[in-house]
Structure formats: C-alpha cells, structure tokens
Amino acid sequence: MKDAGIQDGDLLVIDKAQEPKDGCVAVCAIDGEFTLKRPAIKKDGIYLMPANDVFKPIKITEENNYLVWGVVAYVVHKVL
C-alpha cells in the first residue's frame, strides 16, 4: 500500500464498526488470508485494488469466502 502512504512497519488503527465505503483502505479477509486493499464496487463485481503497481487487482467471485474485517482509521509511521 506504498502508494496510499502506508509503508512496511507502519502501525494501523482499524475501526471494525465503520461501514466500508468504495475506495476506502480496508483489512479484507479472502479465503482465510488477510490483505490490505481498497475495495472497489464495479458493475461486474467487487475488486480488491492494491496501492502498489507491483500487485494486480483481485476480483471477488462467488467461490471466494470474502469479508471486510475493518476499515483503516489511522496510520502511525515510525520515526527513524
């Protein structure tokens, strides 16, 4: 999520009570694994969008076990 200002080692504060909105940064569980992505609702389905060009979007299908676990409320960067 480097292009969203989130770097390796950052501390994330997750709000599980907040409803996820299109384009928010969220902790998502897909098939038992957690990932940090931006959920995007499109006409042909839901996609998990990365904020790093190295990764590709993930399309959620009916076969996937998918859950938005929580929405990122704050990012805390470590001071070097």
N, C-alpha and C. Protein backbone atom coordinates (compact mmCIF):
# COMPACT_ATOMS: atom_id res chain seq x y z
N MET A 1 0.83 -1.20 0.00
CA MET A 1 0.00 0.00 0.00
C MET A 1 0.87 1.26 0.00
N LYS A 2 2.08 1.14 -0.56
CA LYS A 2 3.00 2.27 -0.54
C LYS A 2 2.45 3.50 -1.23
N ASP A 3 1.63 3.33 -2.28
CA ASP A 3 1.06 4.48 -2.97
C ASP A 3 -0.11 5.10 -2.23
N ALA A 4 -0.50 4.49 -1.11
CA ALA A 4 -1.53 5.05 -0.23
C ALA A 4 -0.90 5.65 1.02
N GLY A 5 0.45 5.71 1.03
CA GLY A 5 1.16 6.28 2.18
C GLY A 5 1.35 5.33 3.32
N ILE A 6 1.14 4.04 3.08
CA ILE A 6 1.31 3.03 4.13
C ILE A 6 2.55 2.22 3.79
N GLN A 7 3.52 2.24 4.70
CA GLN A 7 4.80 1.58 4.48
C GLN A 7 4.94 0.36 5.39
N ASP A 8 5.86 -0.52 5.02
CA ASP A 8 6.17 -1.68 5.85
C ASP A 8 6.60 -1.21 7.24
N GLY A 9 6.02 -1.79 8.27
CA GLY A 9 6.34 -1.42 9.64
C GLY A 9 5.42 -0.38 10.25
N ASP A 10 4.53 0.23 9.45
CA ASP A 10 3.57 1.20 10.00
C ASP A 10 2.57 0.49 10.91
N LEU A 11 2.05 1.23 11.86
CA LEU A 11 1.03 0.74 12.77
C LEU A 11 -0.32 1.25 12.26
N LEU A 12 -1.26 0.34 12.09
CA LEU A 12 -2.59 0.71 11.59
C LEU A 12 -3.61 0.60 12.71
N VAL A 13 -4.47 1.60 12.80
CA VAL A 13 -5.61 1.56 13.72
C VAL A 13 -6.82 1.20 12.87
N ILE A 14 -7.44 0.07 13.20
CA ILE A 14 -8.54 -0.46 12.42
C ILE A 14 -9.86 -0.24 13.16
N ASP A 15 -10.84 0.29 12.44
CA ASP A 15 -12.18 0.51 13.01
C ASP A 15 -13.11 -0.56 12.44
N LYS A 16 -13.47 -1.52 13.29
CA LYS A 16 -14.34 -2.61 12.84
C LYS A 16 -15.81 -2.20 12.80
N ALA A 17 -16.15 -1.08 13.44
CA ALA A 17 -17.54 -0.63 13.46
C ALA A 17 -17.89 0.23 12.24
N GLN A 18 -16.87 0.76 11.57
CA GLN A 18 -17.11 1.64 10.42
C GLN A 18 -17.52 0.81 9.21
N GLU A 19 -18.56 1.26 8.52
CA GLU A 19 -19.00 0.59 7.29
C GLU A 19 -18.01 0.89 6.17
N PRO A 20 -17.55 -0.14 5.46
CA PRO A 20 -16.61 0.11 4.36
C PRO A 20 -17.30 0.85 3.22
N LYS A 21 -16.58 1.80 2.64
CA LYS A 21 -17.08 2.57 1.51
C LYS A 21 -16.19 2.27 0.31
N ASP A 22 -16.74 2.46 -0.86
CA ASP A 22 -15.99 2.25 -2.10
C ASP A 22 -14.72 3.09 -2.08
N GLY A 23 -13.57 2.43 -2.21
CA GLY A 23 -12.30 3.15 -2.26
C GLY A 23 -11.60 3.37 -0.94
N CYS A 24 -12.23 2.98 0.19
CA CYS A 24 -11.56 3.12 1.49
C CYS A 24 -10.40 2.13 1.55
N VAL A 25 -9.52 2.30 2.51
CA VAL A 25 -8.47 1.31 2.75
C VAL A 25 -8.99 0.38 3.84
N ALA A 26 -9.00 -0.91 3.54
CA ALA A 26 -9.61 -1.86 4.46
C ALA A 26 -8.77 -3.12 4.61
N VAL A 27 -8.91 -3.74 5.77
CA VAL A 27 -8.35 -5.06 6.00
C VAL A 27 -9.41 -6.05 5.55
N CYS A 28 -9.08 -6.82 4.53
CA CYS A 28 -10.04 -7.76 3.96
C CYS A 28 -9.55 -9.19 4.17
N ALA A 29 -10.46 -10.08 4.42
CA ALA A 29 -10.15 -11.50 4.52
C ALA A 29 -10.72 -12.17 3.28
N ILE A 30 -9.85 -12.85 2.56
CA ILE A 30 -10.30 -13.58 1.37
C ILE A 30 -9.74 -15.00 1.45
N ASP A 31 -10.66 -15.94 1.52
CA ASP A 31 -10.31 -17.36 1.62
C ASP A 31 -9.34 -17.63 2.77
N GLY A 32 -9.58 -16.99 3.91
CA GLY A 32 -8.80 -17.25 5.11
C GLY A 32 -7.50 -16.47 5.24
N GLU A 33 -7.19 -15.63 4.27
CA GLU A 33 -5.97 -14.83 4.34
C GLU A 33 -6.31 -13.35 4.36
N PHE A 34 -5.57 -12.59 5.17
CA PHE A 34 -5.80 -11.16 5.29
C PHE A 34 -4.97 -10.40 4.27
N THR A 35 -5.55 -9.31 3.76
CA THR A 35 -4.85 -8.43 2.84
C THR A 35 -5.34 -7.00 3.08
N LEU A 36 -4.49 -6.05 2.79
CA LEU A 36 -4.84 -4.63 2.93
C LEU A 36 -5.06 -4.08 1.53
N LYS A 37 -6.29 -3.72 1.21
CA LYS A 37 -6.63 -3.27 -0.14
C LYS A 37 -7.72 -2.20 -0.08
N ARG A 38 -8.01 -1.62 -1.25
CA ARG A 38 -9.15 -0.71 -1.42
C ARG A 38 -10.27 -1.47 -2.13
N PRO A 39 -11.36 -1.80 -1.44
CA PRO A 39 -12.47 -2.45 -2.13
C PRO A 39 -13.08 -1.49 -3.15
N ALA A 40 -13.36 -2.02 -4.33
CA ALA A 40 -13.97 -1.22 -5.40
C ALA A 40 -15.18 -1.97 -5.93
N ILE A 41 -16.33 -1.32 -5.91
CA ILE A 41 -17.55 -1.93 -6.41
C ILE A 41 -17.74 -1.47 -7.85
N LYS A 42 -17.71 -2.44 -8.77
CA LYS A 42 -17.88 -2.16 -10.19
C LYS A 42 -19.12 -2.89 -10.69
N LYS A 43 -19.52 -2.58 -11.92
CA LYS A 43 -20.71 -3.22 -12.48
C LYS A 43 -20.60 -4.73 -12.55
N ASP A 44 -19.39 -5.22 -12.79
CA ASP A 44 -19.21 -6.67 -12.93
C ASP A 44 -18.75 -7.36 -11.65
N GLY A 45 -18.75 -6.64 -10.52
CA GLY A 45 -18.41 -7.29 -9.26
C GLY A 45 -17.56 -6.42 -8.34
N ILE A 46 -17.04 -7.05 -7.32
CA ILE A 46 -16.19 -6.39 -6.33
C ILE A 46 -14.74 -6.74 -6.63
N TYR A 47 -13.90 -5.72 -6.57
CA TYR A 47 -12.46 -5.91 -6.78
C TYR A 47 -11.73 -5.38 -5.55
N LEU A 48 -10.62 -6.02 -5.22
CA LEU A 48 -9.73 -5.53 -4.18
C LEU A 48 -8.55 -4.90 -4.90
N MET A 49 -8.45 -3.58 -4.78
CA MET A 49 -7.46 -2.81 -5.54
C MET A 49 -6.22 -2.55 -4.69
N PRO A 50 -5.04 -2.89 -5.21
CA PRO A 50 -3.81 -2.60 -4.49
C PRO A 50 -3.41 -1.14 -4.67
N ALA A 51 -2.55 -0.65 -3.79
CA ALA A 51 -2.00 0.71 -3.95
C ALA A 51 -0.50 0.57 -4.19
N ASN A 52 -0.18 -0.34 -5.09
CA ASN A 52 1.20 -0.62 -5.46
C ASN A 52 1.14 -1.28 -6.83
N ASP A 53 1.82 -0.71 -7.81
CA ASP A 53 1.77 -1.21 -9.18
C ASP A 53 2.32 -2.63 -9.34
N VAL A 54 3.03 -3.13 -8.35
CA VAL A 54 3.60 -4.47 -8.42
C VAL A 54 2.50 -5.54 -8.35
N PHE A 55 1.39 -5.21 -7.69
CA PHE A 55 0.30 -6.17 -7.49
C PHE A 55 -0.87 -5.87 -8.42
N LYS A 56 -1.64 -6.92 -8.71
CA LYS A 56 -2.82 -6.79 -9.58
C LYS A 56 -4.09 -6.81 -8.74
N PRO A 57 -5.17 -6.21 -9.25
CA PRO A 57 -6.45 -6.28 -8.54
C PRO A 57 -6.92 -7.72 -8.40
N ILE A 58 -7.66 -7.98 -7.34
CA ILE A 58 -8.23 -9.30 -7.10
C ILE A 58 -9.74 -9.18 -7.28
N LYS A 59 -10.30 -9.99 -8.19
CA LYS A 59 -11.75 -9.98 -8.37
C LYS A 59 -12.36 -11.01 -7.41
N ILE A 60 -13.36 -10.56 -6.66
CA ILE A 60 -14.07 -11.44 -5.74
C ILE A 60 -15.12 -12.20 -6.53
N THR A 61 -15.14 -13.52 -6.38
CA THR A 61 -16.12 -14.35 -7.07
C THR A 61 -17.02 -15.02 -6.04
N GLU A 62 -18.04 -15.68 -6.52
CA GLU A 62 -18.96 -16.39 -5.62
C GLU A 62 -18.25 -17.52 -4.88
N GLU A 63 -17.18 -18.03 -5.44
CA GLU A 63 -16.44 -19.11 -4.80
C GLU A 63 -15.58 -18.63 -3.63
N ASN A 64 -15.29 -17.33 -3.58
CA ASN A 64 -14.44 -16.79 -2.53
C ASN A 64 -15.20 -16.62 -1.23
N ASN A 65 -14.52 -16.86 -0.13
CA ASN A 65 -15.02 -16.53 1.20
C ASN A 65 -14.44 -15.15 1.51
N TYR A 66 -15.25 -14.11 1.42
CA TYR A 66 -14.78 -12.72 1.48
C TYR A 66 -15.46 -11.97 2.60
N LEU A 67 -14.64 -11.15 3.30
CA LEU A 67 -15.14 -10.35 4.41
C LEU A 67 -14.28 -9.10 4.56
N VAL A 68 -14.92 -7.95 4.74
CA VAL A 68 -14.17 -6.75 5.12
C VAL A 68 -14.08 -6.79 6.64
N TRP A 69 -12.88 -7.01 7.17
CA TRP A 69 -12.66 -7.19 8.60
C TRP A 69 -12.71 -5.87 9.34
N GLY A 70 -12.25 -4.79 8.68
CA GLY A 70 -12.25 -3.47 9.30
C GLY A 70 -11.69 -2.44 8.36
N VAL A 71 -11.95 -1.18 8.67
CA VAL A 71 -11.51 -0.05 7.85
C VAL A 71 -10.36 0.66 8.56
N VAL A 72 -9.33 1.02 7.80
CA VAL A 72 -8.19 1.73 8.37
C VAL A 72 -8.63 3.14 8.75
N ALA A 73 -8.49 3.47 10.04
CA ALA A 73 -8.87 4.79 10.54
C ALA A 73 -7.65 5.71 10.64
N TYR A 74 -6.51 5.15 11.07
CA TYR A 74 -5.29 5.93 11.24
C TYR A 74 -4.08 5.09 10.85
N VAL A 75 -3.03 5.77 10.39
CA VAL A 75 -1.74 5.15 10.10
C VAL A 75 -0.69 5.86 10.93
N VAL A 76 0.09 5.09 11.69
CA VAL A 76 1.14 5.66 12.52
C VAL A 76 2.48 5.25 11.91
N HIS A 77 3.29 6.24 11.53
CA HIS A 77 4.61 5.98 10.95
C HIS A 77 5.67 6.00 12.04
N LYS A 78 6.61 5.11 11.95
CA LYS A 78 7.72 5.08 12.87
C LYS A 78 8.72 6.20 12.50
N VAL A 79 9.19 6.90 13.50
CA VAL A 79 10.20 7.94 13.28
C VAL A 79 11.55 7.26 13.30
N LEU A 80 12.33 7.51 12.27
CA LEU A 80 13.65 6.86 12.17
C LEU A 80 14.68 7.58 12.99
